[in-house]
Amino acid sequence: MKQASTEKHSLKVHVLVQKHLEFDEEIIHLVKQNQSLFTIWPEYIVATTNRLFFCVPTGFGPKLNVTNYPLEYIENIKFKAKFLGSVLQVNFPKNVLIKTEYLPVKSTKELYDFIVEKTAKKA
């Protein structure tokens, strides 16, 4: 598994997502949002062999709301590198748009490339 950082909180996210996995599924990428003035608790994006998980903090605490979408549901994905980090924008059916900012550029680019490769295989 490729991981942006190996800190304690990332390990908790890894374990949290692991509970949702099917028997033939494994975690491929885990990307943690960079700390900034705008992010008190970071968001995480986790890619598995079949799905994309978004772990978003709820309220003002370290609790995470986990949502996941099958990779084949991705309609469009955009990656943009910026000064303070990168932006990943993913479009799903029914006008669902998930946009995460302040992500580390290198690991987000690797995640983006993985998703593009997986979604290209279905087309």
N, C-alpha and C. Protein backbone atom coordinates (compact mmCIF):
# COMPACT_ATOMS: atom_id res chain seq x y z
N MET A 1 0.84 -1.18 0.00
CA MET A 1 0.00 0.00 0.00
C MET A 1 0.87 1.24 0.00
N LYS A 2 0.52 2.20 -0.83
CA LYS A 2 1.22 3.48 -0.85
C LYS A 2 0.48 4.42 0.08
N GLN A 3 1.23 5.08 0.94
CA GLN A 3 0.62 5.91 1.97
C GLN A 3 1.36 7.22 2.08
N ALA A 4 0.60 8.32 2.25
CA ALA A 4 1.19 9.64 2.35
C ALA A 4 2.00 9.80 3.63
N SER A 5 1.54 9.24 4.70
CA SER A 5 2.28 9.33 5.96
C SER A 5 1.97 8.10 6.80
N THR A 6 2.83 7.80 7.75
CA THR A 6 2.62 6.62 8.59
C THR A 6 2.30 7.00 10.02
N GLU A 7 1.72 8.14 10.22
CA GLU A 7 1.42 8.59 11.57
C GLU A 7 0.25 7.81 12.16
N LYS A 8 0.05 7.99 13.44
CA LYS A 8 -0.94 7.24 14.21
C LYS A 8 -2.36 7.39 13.65
N HIS A 9 -2.76 8.60 13.29
CA HIS A 9 -4.11 8.84 12.81
C HIS A 9 -4.35 8.15 11.47
N SER A 10 -3.34 8.10 10.60
CA SER A 10 -3.47 7.40 9.33
C SER A 10 -3.69 5.91 9.56
N LEU A 11 -3.05 5.38 10.58
CA LEU A 11 -3.24 3.97 10.92
C LEU A 11 -4.67 3.72 11.36
N LYS A 12 -5.25 4.64 12.12
CA LYS A 12 -6.65 4.50 12.54
C LYS A 12 -7.58 4.51 11.33
N VAL A 13 -7.30 5.36 10.36
CA VAL A 13 -8.10 5.41 9.14
C VAL A 13 -7.97 4.10 8.38
N HIS A 14 -6.76 3.59 8.30
CA HIS A 14 -6.50 2.32 7.63
C HIS A 14 -7.35 1.21 8.26
N VAL A 15 -7.36 1.14 9.59
CA VAL A 15 -8.13 0.13 10.31
C VAL A 15 -9.63 0.35 10.09
N LEU A 16 -10.07 1.60 10.11
CA LEU A 16 -11.48 1.93 9.90
C LEU A 16 -11.95 1.47 8.53
N VAL A 17 -11.16 1.75 7.50
CA VAL A 17 -11.53 1.36 6.14
C VAL A 17 -11.45 -0.16 5.99
N GLN A 18 -10.47 -0.77 6.63
CA GLN A 18 -10.28 -2.22 6.55
C GLN A 18 -11.56 -2.96 6.96
N LYS A 19 -12.32 -2.41 7.89
CA LYS A 19 -13.56 -3.02 8.35
C LYS A 19 -14.62 -3.09 7.25
N HIS A 20 -14.53 -2.18 6.28
CA HIS A 20 -15.52 -2.10 5.20
C HIS A 20 -15.16 -2.94 3.98
N LEU A 21 -13.96 -3.50 3.96
CA LEU A 21 -13.49 -4.19 2.77
C LEU A 21 -14.10 -5.56 2.60
N GLU A 22 -14.25 -5.96 1.34
CA GLU A 22 -14.69 -7.30 1.01
C GLU A 22 -13.48 -8.22 1.04
N PHE A 23 -13.70 -9.52 0.98
CA PHE A 23 -12.60 -10.48 1.16
C PHE A 23 -11.52 -10.37 0.08
N ASP A 24 -11.88 -9.98 -1.13
CA ASP A 24 -10.90 -9.90 -2.22
C ASP A 24 -10.39 -8.48 -2.47
N GLU A 25 -10.63 -7.57 -1.55
CA GLU A 25 -10.31 -6.16 -1.73
C GLU A 25 -9.13 -5.78 -0.83
N GLU A 26 -8.26 -4.91 -1.34
CA GLU A 26 -7.14 -4.44 -0.52
C GLU A 26 -6.92 -2.95 -0.74
N ILE A 27 -6.33 -2.31 0.26
CA ILE A 27 -6.05 -0.88 0.18
C ILE A 27 -4.81 -0.67 -0.68
N ILE A 28 -4.93 0.24 -1.65
CA ILE A 28 -3.83 0.54 -2.56
C ILE A 28 -3.18 1.87 -2.21
N HIS A 29 -3.99 2.90 -2.00
CA HIS A 29 -3.48 4.25 -1.70
C HIS A 29 -4.24 4.84 -0.51
N LEU A 30 -3.53 5.59 0.32
CA LEU A 30 -4.12 6.36 1.41
C LEU A 30 -3.48 7.74 1.35
N VAL A 31 -4.31 8.76 1.14
CA VAL A 31 -3.80 10.14 1.03
C VAL A 31 -4.43 10.98 2.13
N LYS A 32 -3.58 11.64 2.90
CA LYS A 32 -4.03 12.50 4.00
C LYS A 32 -3.91 13.95 3.58
N GLN A 33 -4.94 14.72 3.86
CA GLN A 33 -4.96 16.14 3.58
C GLN A 33 -3.89 16.85 4.40
N ASN A 34 -3.18 17.81 3.77
CA ASN A 34 -2.17 18.60 4.47
C ASN A 34 -2.82 19.48 5.54
N GLN A 35 -2.09 19.71 6.61
CA GLN A 35 -2.55 20.64 7.63
C GLN A 35 -2.39 22.07 7.10
N SER A 36 -3.37 22.89 7.34
CA SER A 36 -3.30 24.30 6.95
C SER A 36 -4.16 25.10 7.93
N LEU A 37 -4.24 26.38 7.70
CA LEU A 37 -5.10 27.22 8.53
C LEU A 37 -6.57 26.85 8.37
N PHE A 38 -6.89 26.22 7.24
CA PHE A 38 -8.28 25.90 6.92
C PHE A 38 -8.70 24.50 7.34
N THR A 39 -7.75 23.67 7.72
CA THR A 39 -8.07 22.29 8.10
C THR A 39 -7.59 22.00 9.52
N ILE A 40 -8.54 21.87 10.41
CA ILE A 40 -8.21 21.51 11.79
C ILE A 40 -8.03 20.00 11.87
N TRP A 41 -8.99 19.27 11.33
CA TRP A 41 -8.91 17.81 11.25
C TRP A 41 -8.81 17.43 9.78
N PRO A 42 -7.83 16.66 9.39
CA PRO A 42 -7.63 16.36 7.98
C PRO A 42 -8.64 15.35 7.43
N GLU A 43 -8.87 15.45 6.13
CA GLU A 43 -9.66 14.46 5.41
C GLU A 43 -8.70 13.42 4.84
N TYR A 44 -9.24 12.26 4.55
CA TYR A 44 -8.44 11.18 3.96
C TYR A 44 -9.18 10.63 2.75
N ILE A 45 -8.41 10.24 1.74
CA ILE A 45 -8.96 9.54 0.60
C ILE A 45 -8.22 8.21 0.52
N VAL A 46 -9.00 7.14 0.46
CA VAL A 46 -8.43 5.80 0.42
C VAL A 46 -8.94 5.09 -0.83
N ALA A 47 -8.01 4.58 -1.63
CA ALA A 47 -8.37 3.82 -2.82
C ALA A 47 -8.08 2.35 -2.57
N THR A 48 -9.05 1.53 -2.89
CA THR A 48 -8.86 0.09 -2.80
C THR A 48 -8.89 -0.47 -4.23
N THR A 49 -8.81 -1.75 -4.33
CA THR A 49 -8.85 -2.38 -5.65
C THR A 49 -10.20 -2.18 -6.34
N ASN A 50 -11.27 -1.93 -5.56
CA ASN A 50 -12.60 -1.79 -6.15
C ASN A 50 -13.33 -0.49 -5.84
N ARG A 51 -12.92 0.21 -4.79
CA ARG A 51 -13.68 1.38 -4.35
C ARG A 51 -12.79 2.55 -3.96
N LEU A 52 -13.46 3.71 -3.84
CA LEU A 52 -12.81 4.92 -3.38
C LEU A 52 -13.54 5.37 -2.10
N PHE A 53 -12.79 5.50 -1.00
CA PHE A 53 -13.35 5.89 0.29
C PHE A 53 -12.98 7.34 0.59
N PHE A 54 -13.94 8.09 1.09
CA PHE A 54 -13.70 9.46 1.54
C PHE A 54 -13.99 9.49 3.03
N CYS A 55 -12.98 9.82 3.82
CA CYS A 55 -13.10 9.89 5.28
C CYS A 55 -13.05 11.36 5.67
N VAL A 56 -14.19 11.88 6.07
CA VAL A 56 -14.33 13.31 6.35
C VAL A 56 -14.68 13.50 7.83
N PRO A 57 -13.95 14.39 8.52
CA PRO A 57 -14.24 14.63 9.93
C PRO A 57 -15.64 15.19 10.13
N THR A 58 -16.29 14.76 11.20
CA THR A 58 -17.63 15.27 11.51
C THR A 58 -17.55 16.16 12.74
N GLY A 59 -18.26 17.26 12.70
CA GLY A 59 -18.27 18.19 13.82
C GLY A 59 -16.89 18.77 14.07
N PHE A 60 -16.58 18.99 15.32
CA PHE A 60 -15.29 19.56 15.70
C PHE A 60 -14.42 18.54 16.42
N GLY A 61 -14.44 17.34 15.93
CA GLY A 61 -13.67 16.30 16.60
C GLY A 61 -13.05 15.33 15.62
N PRO A 62 -12.35 14.35 16.15
CA PRO A 62 -11.64 13.42 15.29
C PRO A 62 -12.50 12.28 14.74
N LYS A 63 -13.81 12.31 14.94
CA LYS A 63 -14.67 11.27 14.38
C LYS A 63 -14.76 11.46 12.87
N LEU A 64 -14.75 10.34 12.13
CA LEU A 64 -14.77 10.40 10.68
C LEU A 64 -16.04 9.79 10.11
N ASN A 65 -16.61 10.48 9.14
CA ASN A 65 -17.73 9.96 8.37
C ASN A 65 -17.13 9.30 7.13
N VAL A 66 -17.39 8.03 6.94
CA VAL A 66 -16.80 7.28 5.82
C VAL A 66 -17.86 7.01 4.77
N THR A 67 -17.60 7.48 3.55
CA THR A 67 -18.46 7.16 2.42
C THR A 67 -17.59 6.51 1.36
N ASN A 68 -18.19 5.61 0.60
CA ASN A 68 -17.41 4.95 -0.44
C ASN A 68 -18.24 4.79 -1.70
N TYR A 69 -17.52 4.76 -2.81
CA TYR A 69 -18.13 4.61 -4.12
C TYR A 69 -17.32 3.60 -4.92
N PRO A 70 -17.99 2.72 -5.66
CA PRO A 70 -17.25 1.82 -6.54
C PRO A 70 -16.50 2.62 -7.61
N LEU A 71 -15.31 2.16 -7.95
CA LEU A 71 -14.51 2.87 -8.95
C LEU A 71 -15.24 2.97 -10.29
N GLU A 72 -16.06 1.99 -10.61
CA GLU A 72 -16.75 2.03 -11.91
C GLU A 72 -17.82 3.12 -11.96
N TYR A 73 -18.20 3.70 -10.82
CA TYR A 73 -19.18 4.79 -10.80
C TYR A 73 -18.56 6.14 -11.12
N ILE A 74 -17.25 6.23 -11.15
CA ILE A 74 -16.60 7.52 -11.40
C ILE A 74 -16.86 7.94 -12.84
N GLU A 75 -17.47 9.11 -12.99
CA GLU A 75 -17.76 9.66 -14.32
C GLU A 75 -16.63 10.55 -14.81
N ASN A 76 -16.00 11.26 -13.89
CA ASN A 76 -14.93 12.19 -14.27
C ASN A 76 -14.05 12.43 -13.05
N ILE A 77 -12.77 12.62 -13.30
CA ILE A 77 -11.83 12.92 -12.21
C ILE A 77 -10.85 13.98 -12.70
N LYS A 78 -10.57 14.95 -11.84
CA LYS A 78 -9.64 16.02 -12.19
C LYS A 78 -8.61 16.17 -11.08
N PHE A 79 -7.38 16.44 -11.50
CA PHE A 79 -6.27 16.66 -10.57
C PHE A 79 -5.62 17.98 -10.96
N LYS A 80 -5.34 18.80 -9.95
CA LYS A 80 -4.67 20.07 -10.21
C LYS A 80 -3.68 20.36 -9.09
N ALA A 81 -2.42 20.57 -9.45
CA ALA A 81 -1.39 20.92 -8.47
C ALA A 81 -1.43 22.43 -8.24
N LYS A 82 -1.38 22.83 -6.98
CA LYS A 82 -1.37 24.24 -6.61
C LYS A 82 -0.23 24.49 -5.65
N PHE A 83 -0.09 25.74 -5.25
CA PHE A 83 1.01 26.14 -4.37
C PHE A 83 0.94 25.47 -2.99
N LEU A 84 -0.24 25.43 -2.39
CA LEU A 84 -0.39 24.87 -1.05
C LEU A 84 -0.79 23.39 -1.05
N GLY A 85 -0.73 22.75 -2.18
CA GLY A 85 -1.11 21.35 -2.31
C GLY A 85 -1.95 21.16 -3.54
N SER A 86 -2.46 19.98 -3.71
CA SER A 86 -3.24 19.70 -4.91
C SER A 86 -4.73 19.60 -4.59
N VAL A 87 -5.51 19.60 -5.66
CA VAL A 87 -6.96 19.48 -5.57
C VAL A 87 -7.36 18.24 -6.36
N LEU A 88 -8.20 17.41 -5.76
CA LEU A 88 -8.75 16.25 -6.45
C LEU A 88 -10.26 16.40 -6.47
N GLN A 89 -10.83 16.34 -7.67
CA GLN A 89 -12.27 16.49 -7.83
C GLN A 89 -12.79 15.25 -8.54
N VAL A 90 -13.78 14.60 -7.94
CA VAL A 90 -14.32 13.36 -8.48
C VAL A 90 -15.83 13.52 -8.67
N ASN A 91 -16.29 13.19 -9.88
CA ASN A 91 -17.72 13.25 -10.19
C ASN A 91 -18.30 11.84 -10.24
N PHE A 92 -19.47 11.69 -9.60
CA PHE A 92 -20.20 10.43 -9.59
C PHE A 92 -21.58 10.66 -10.18
N PRO A 93 -22.35 9.60 -10.44
CA PRO A 93 -23.70 9.79 -10.97
C PRO A 93 -24.59 10.61 -10.04
N LYS A 94 -25.69 11.11 -10.60
CA LYS A 94 -26.67 11.92 -9.87
C LYS A 94 -26.06 13.21 -9.34
N ASN A 95 -25.14 13.80 -10.09
CA ASN A 95 -24.52 15.08 -9.77
C ASN A 95 -23.80 15.11 -8.42
N VAL A 96 -23.26 13.99 -8.01
CA VAL A 96 -22.46 13.94 -6.79
C VAL A 96 -21.03 14.36 -7.14
N LEU A 97 -20.57 15.41 -6.51
CA LEU A 97 -19.23 15.94 -6.74
C LEU A 97 -18.50 16.00 -5.40
N ILE A 98 -17.33 15.39 -5.35
CA ILE A 98 -16.52 15.45 -4.14
C ILE A 98 -15.20 16.11 -4.51
N LYS A 99 -14.90 17.20 -3.82
CA LYS A 99 -13.69 17.97 -4.09
C LYS A 99 -12.91 18.09 -2.78
N THR A 100 -11.65 17.67 -2.82
CA THR A 100 -10.78 17.76 -1.66
C THR A 100 -9.56 18.58 -2.02
N GLU A 101 -9.25 19.56 -1.18
CA GLU A 101 -8.11 20.45 -1.43
C GLU A 101 -7.02 20.22 -0.40
N TYR A 102 -5.86 20.84 -0.64
CA TYR A 102 -4.70 20.79 0.26
C TYR A 102 -4.18 19.36 0.45
N LEU A 103 -4.16 18.61 -0.63
CA LEU A 103 -3.61 17.25 -0.60
C LEU A 103 -2.16 17.28 -1.04
N PRO A 104 -1.31 16.38 -0.55
CA PRO A 104 0.07 16.33 -1.02
C PRO A 104 0.12 15.99 -2.51
N VAL A 105 0.89 16.74 -3.25
CA VAL A 105 0.89 16.65 -4.71
C VAL A 105 1.31 15.26 -5.20
N LYS A 106 2.43 14.75 -4.72
CA LYS A 106 2.96 13.49 -5.25
C LYS A 106 2.00 12.32 -5.01
N SER A 107 1.54 12.15 -3.79
CA SER A 107 0.65 11.01 -3.50
C SER A 107 -0.72 11.17 -4.16
N THR A 108 -1.19 12.41 -4.33
CA THR A 108 -2.46 12.63 -5.01
C THR A 108 -2.34 12.32 -6.49
N LYS A 109 -1.21 12.67 -7.08
CA LYS A 109 -0.97 12.34 -8.49
C LYS A 109 -0.93 10.83 -8.69
N GLU A 110 -0.30 10.11 -7.77
CA GLU A 110 -0.27 8.64 -7.85
C GLU A 110 -1.68 8.07 -7.72
N LEU A 111 -2.49 8.62 -6.82
CA LEU A 111 -3.87 8.20 -6.66
C LEU A 111 -4.66 8.48 -7.93
N TYR A 112 -4.50 9.67 -8.47
CA TYR A 112 -5.18 10.06 -9.70
C TYR A 112 -4.82 9.10 -10.84
N ASP A 113 -3.54 8.82 -11.01
CA ASP A 113 -3.10 7.90 -12.07
C ASP A 113 -3.70 6.52 -11.89
N PHE A 114 -3.75 6.04 -10.64
CA PHE A 114 -4.34 4.73 -10.36
C PHE A 114 -5.81 4.70 -10.76
N ILE A 115 -6.56 5.74 -10.39
CA ILE A 115 -7.99 5.79 -10.69
C ILE A 115 -8.22 5.89 -12.19
N VAL A 116 -7.44 6.71 -12.87
CA VAL A 116 -7.57 6.84 -14.33
C VAL A 116 -7.32 5.49 -15.00
N GLU A 117 -6.28 4.80 -14.54
CA GLU A 117 -5.96 3.49 -15.11
C GLU A 117 -7.10 2.47 -14.87
N LYS A 118 -7.64 2.45 -13.65
CA LYS A 118 -8.72 1.51 -13.33
C LYS A 118 -10.00 1.82 -14.09
N THR A 119 -10.33 3.11 -14.21
CA THR A 119 -11.56 3.48 -14.92
C THR A 119 -11.42 3.35 -16.42
N ALA A 120 -10.20 3.44 -16.94
CA ALA A 120 -9.97 3.26 -18.38
C ALA A 120 -10.17 1.80 -18.77
N LYS A 121 -9.89 0.89 -17.86
CA LYS A 121 -10.06 -0.55 -18.14
C LYS A 121 -11.53 -0.91 -18.32
N LYS A 122 -12.43 -0.19 -17.67
CA LYS A 122 -13.84 -0.50 -17.79
C LYS A 122 -14.44 0.01 -19.10
N ALA A 123 -13.80 1.03 -19.69
CA ALA A 123 -14.34 1.65 -20.92
C ALA A 123 -14.03 0.83 -22.15
